[in-house]
Amino acid sequence: MDKKEDKLNFEEAMKELENIVQQLEKGELNLDDSMKKFEEGVNLSKKCSKYLENAEKKISILVRQEDGTVSEENFN
């Protein structure tokens, strides 16, 4: 992953990944360029997955107990 990809937030990485997919679907790139874009896309996909994993770890659910109190549970 290059330095540009390292600095992308989730939304920017997804947008760049969508752009790569569109370029590959057009079929206008030569084989070498297609392979480079594919590798870039795989790296961006891994980066997005990592963002989502980290976000999921932070999510918790507020649960109202029978006595009216509220407790916090991890989201599974």
N, C-alpha and C. Protein backbone atom coordinates (compact mmCIF):
# COMPACT_ATOMS: atom_id res chain seq x y z
N MET A 1 0.86 -1.17 0.00
CA MET A 1 0.00 0.00 0.00
C MET A 1 0.90 1.23 0.00
N ASP A 2 0.59 2.17 -0.86
CA ASP A 2 1.43 3.37 -0.92
C ASP A 2 1.00 4.38 0.13
N LYS A 3 1.79 5.44 0.27
CA LYS A 3 1.53 6.44 1.30
C LYS A 3 0.19 7.12 1.12
N LYS A 4 -0.24 7.31 -0.14
CA LYS A 4 -1.53 7.94 -0.41
C LYS A 4 -2.65 7.08 0.17
N GLU A 5 -2.59 5.76 -0.02
CA GLU A 5 -3.61 4.86 0.50
C GLU A 5 -3.62 4.83 2.02
N ASP A 6 -2.44 4.96 2.64
CA ASP A 6 -2.34 4.94 4.10
C ASP A 6 -3.12 6.08 4.73
N LYS A 7 -3.23 7.21 4.07
CA LYS A 7 -3.85 8.41 4.63
C LYS A 7 -5.35 8.49 4.39
N LEU A 8 -5.91 7.57 3.61
CA LEU A 8 -7.33 7.63 3.28
C LEU A 8 -8.19 7.21 4.47
N ASN A 9 -9.31 7.93 4.66
CA ASN A 9 -10.28 7.46 5.64
C ASN A 9 -11.18 6.43 4.95
N PHE A 10 -12.13 5.87 5.68
CA PHE A 10 -12.97 4.81 5.12
C PHE A 10 -13.71 5.24 3.86
N GLU A 11 -14.35 6.41 3.92
CA GLU A 11 -15.14 6.87 2.79
C GLU A 11 -14.27 7.12 1.56
N GLU A 12 -13.10 7.70 1.77
CA GLU A 12 -12.19 7.95 0.65
C GLU A 12 -11.68 6.65 0.05
N ALA A 13 -11.37 5.69 0.92
CA ALA A 13 -10.89 4.39 0.44
C ALA A 13 -11.97 3.67 -0.36
N MET A 14 -13.21 3.74 0.11
CA MET A 14 -14.32 3.11 -0.63
C MET A 14 -14.53 3.77 -1.98
N LYS A 15 -14.46 5.09 -2.02
CA LYS A 15 -14.64 5.81 -3.27
C LYS A 15 -13.53 5.43 -4.26
N GLU A 16 -12.30 5.34 -3.78
CA GLU A 16 -11.18 4.96 -4.63
C GLU A 16 -11.34 3.52 -5.11
N LEU A 17 -11.81 2.65 -4.24
CA LEU A 17 -12.05 1.26 -4.62
C LEU A 17 -13.13 1.16 -5.70
N GLU A 18 -14.19 1.92 -5.54
CA GLU A 18 -15.26 1.95 -6.56
C GLU A 18 -14.72 2.45 -7.89
N ASN A 19 -13.85 3.45 -7.85
CA ASN A 19 -13.24 3.98 -9.06
C ASN A 19 -12.41 2.90 -9.77
N ILE A 20 -11.64 2.15 -9.00
CA ILE A 20 -10.82 1.08 -9.56
C ILE A 20 -11.70 0.02 -10.20
N VAL A 21 -12.77 -0.36 -9.52
CA VAL A 21 -13.68 -1.37 -10.06
C VAL A 21 -14.25 -0.90 -11.40
N GLN A 22 -14.66 0.36 -11.48
CA GLN A 22 -15.19 0.90 -12.73
C GLN A 22 -14.15 0.85 -13.85
N GLN A 23 -12.91 1.20 -13.52
CA GLN A 23 -11.85 1.16 -14.53
C GLN A 23 -11.62 -0.26 -15.03
N LEU A 24 -11.61 -1.21 -14.11
CA LEU A 24 -11.40 -2.60 -14.49
C LEU A 24 -12.57 -3.15 -15.30
N GLU A 25 -13.79 -2.76 -14.94
CA GLU A 25 -14.97 -3.24 -15.65
C GLU A 25 -15.04 -2.72 -17.08
N LYS A 26 -14.50 -1.54 -17.32
CA LYS A 26 -14.49 -0.99 -18.68
C LYS A 26 -13.65 -1.84 -19.62
N GLY A 27 -12.61 -2.47 -19.08
CA GLY A 27 -11.76 -3.34 -19.90
C GLY A 27 -10.85 -2.60 -20.84
N GLU A 28 -10.58 -1.33 -20.58
CA GLU A 28 -9.75 -0.52 -21.47
C GLU A 28 -8.28 -0.50 -21.07
N LEU A 29 -7.94 -1.05 -19.91
CA LEU A 29 -6.56 -1.04 -19.44
C LEU A 29 -5.80 -2.24 -20.02
N ASN A 30 -4.49 -2.05 -20.23
CA ASN A 30 -3.69 -3.19 -20.67
C ASN A 30 -3.49 -4.12 -19.47
N LEU A 31 -2.90 -5.28 -19.71
CA LEU A 31 -2.76 -6.29 -18.67
C LEU A 31 -1.95 -5.79 -17.48
N ASP A 32 -0.83 -5.14 -17.73
CA ASP A 32 0.01 -4.65 -16.63
C ASP A 32 -0.74 -3.63 -15.77
N ASP A 33 -1.40 -2.68 -16.41
CA ASP A 33 -2.15 -1.67 -15.67
C ASP A 33 -3.32 -2.30 -14.91
N SER A 34 -3.96 -3.28 -15.55
CA SER A 34 -5.06 -3.99 -14.88
C SER A 34 -4.58 -4.70 -13.63
N MET A 35 -3.42 -5.34 -13.72
CA MET A 35 -2.86 -6.04 -12.56
C MET A 35 -2.51 -5.06 -11.44
N LYS A 36 -1.95 -3.92 -11.80
CA LYS A 36 -1.61 -2.90 -10.80
C LYS A 36 -2.88 -2.40 -10.11
N LYS A 37 -3.91 -2.11 -10.90
CA LYS A 37 -5.17 -1.63 -10.33
C LYS A 37 -5.82 -2.69 -9.46
N PHE A 38 -5.72 -3.95 -9.90
CA PHE A 38 -6.29 -5.04 -9.12
C PHE A 38 -5.60 -5.13 -7.77
N GLU A 39 -4.26 -5.08 -7.75
CA GLU A 39 -3.51 -5.13 -6.50
C GLU A 39 -3.85 -3.94 -5.60
N GLU A 40 -3.98 -2.78 -6.20
CA GLU A 40 -4.36 -1.58 -5.45
C GLU A 40 -5.75 -1.77 -4.84
N GLY A 41 -6.65 -2.35 -5.62
CA GLY A 41 -8.00 -2.61 -5.13
C GLY A 41 -8.03 -3.59 -3.98
N VAL A 42 -7.21 -4.63 -4.06
CA VAL A 42 -7.14 -5.62 -2.98
C VAL A 42 -6.65 -4.95 -1.70
N ASN A 43 -5.63 -4.11 -1.82
CA ASN A 43 -5.11 -3.40 -0.65
C ASN A 43 -6.16 -2.46 -0.05
N LEU A 44 -6.89 -1.76 -0.91
CA LEU A 44 -7.95 -0.87 -0.41
C LEU A 44 -9.06 -1.67 0.25
N SER A 45 -9.39 -2.82 -0.32
CA SER A 45 -10.41 -3.67 0.26
C SER A 45 -10.01 -4.13 1.66
N LYS A 46 -8.74 -4.50 1.83
CA LYS A 46 -8.24 -4.91 3.14
C LYS A 46 -8.31 -3.75 4.12
N LYS A 47 -7.96 -2.55 3.64
CA LYS A 47 -8.00 -1.36 4.49
C LYS A 47 -9.43 -1.08 4.95
N CYS A 48 -10.39 -1.19 4.04
CA CYS A 48 -11.79 -0.96 4.39
C CYS A 48 -12.28 -2.01 5.38
N SER A 49 -11.89 -3.25 5.18
CA SER A 49 -12.28 -4.31 6.11
C SER A 49 -11.74 -4.05 7.50
N LYS A 50 -10.52 -3.56 7.56
CA LYS A 50 -9.90 -3.24 8.85
C LYS A 50 -10.68 -2.12 9.55
N TYR A 51 -11.04 -1.09 8.77
CA TYR A 51 -11.85 0.00 9.34
C TYR A 51 -13.15 -0.55 9.93
N LEU A 52 -13.82 -1.43 9.18
CA LEU A 52 -15.10 -1.98 9.63
C LEU A 52 -14.92 -2.86 10.86
N GLU A 53 -13.86 -3.66 10.90
CA GLU A 53 -13.58 -4.49 12.08
C GLU A 53 -13.38 -3.62 13.31
N ASN A 54 -12.61 -2.55 13.16
CA ASN A 54 -12.35 -1.65 14.29
C ASN A 54 -13.63 -0.96 14.74
N ALA A 55 -14.46 -0.56 13.79
CA ALA A 55 -15.73 0.09 14.14
C ALA A 55 -16.64 -0.88 14.87
N GLU A 56 -16.68 -2.11 14.41
CA GLU A 56 -17.55 -3.12 15.04
C GLU A 56 -17.13 -3.37 16.49
N LYS A 57 -15.83 -3.33 16.75
CA LYS A 57 -15.34 -3.53 18.11
C LYS A 57 -15.79 -2.41 19.04
N LYS A 58 -16.07 -1.25 18.50
CA LYS A 58 -16.45 -0.09 19.31
C LYS A 58 -17.95 0.00 19.55
N ILE A 59 -18.72 -0.73 18.79
CA ILE A 59 -20.18 -0.63 18.88
C ILE A 59 -20.68 -1.36 20.12
N SER A 60 -21.54 -0.71 20.85
CA SER A 60 -22.18 -1.35 22.00
C SER A 60 -23.68 -1.06 21.94
N ILE A 61 -24.42 -1.85 22.66
CA ILE A 61 -25.88 -1.72 22.66
C ILE A 61 -26.33 -1.32 24.06
N LEU A 62 -27.23 -0.37 24.11
CA LEU A 62 -27.85 -0.01 25.39
C LEU A 62 -29.10 -0.86 25.56
N VAL A 63 -29.18 -1.55 26.70
CA VAL A 63 -30.29 -2.45 26.96
C VAL A 63 -31.02 -1.98 28.21
N ARG A 64 -32.34 -1.82 28.08
CA ARG A 64 -33.15 -1.42 29.24
C ARG A 64 -33.52 -2.68 30.02
N GLN A 65 -33.19 -2.66 31.30
CA GLN A 65 -33.49 -3.79 32.18
C GLN A 65 -34.94 -3.70 32.66
N GLU A 66 -35.45 -4.77 33.24
CA GLU A 66 -36.83 -4.81 33.73
C GLU A 66 -37.09 -3.76 34.81
N ASP A 67 -36.06 -3.43 35.59
CA ASP A 67 -36.24 -2.45 36.66
C ASP A 67 -36.12 -1.01 36.15
N GLY A 68 -35.97 -0.84 34.83
CA GLY A 68 -35.90 0.49 34.24
C GLY A 68 -34.50 1.03 34.06
N THR A 69 -33.53 0.38 34.61
CA THR A 69 -32.15 0.84 34.44
C THR A 69 -31.65 0.45 33.05
N VAL A 70 -30.61 1.13 32.64
CA VAL A 70 -30.03 0.87 31.33
C VAL A 70 -28.62 0.35 31.51
N SER A 71 -28.31 -0.72 30.82
CA SER A 71 -26.94 -1.26 30.86
C SER A 71 -26.37 -1.30 29.45
N GLU A 72 -25.08 -1.39 29.37
CA GLU A 72 -24.39 -1.40 28.09
C GLU A 72 -23.81 -2.79 27.86
N GLU A 73 -24.06 -3.34 26.65
CA GLU A 73 -23.52 -4.63 26.27
C GLU A 73 -22.76 -4.49 24.96
N ASN A 74 -21.77 -5.33 24.77
CA ASN A 74 -21.03 -5.34 23.51
C ASN A 74 -21.91 -5.89 22.40
N PHE A 75 -21.76 -5.36 21.22
CA PHE A 75 -22.48 -5.82 20.05
C PHE A 75 -21.77 -7.04 19.49
N ASN A 76 -22.48 -8.12 19.29
CA ASN A 76 -21.89 -9.34 18.73
C ASN A 76 -22.52 -9.68 17.42
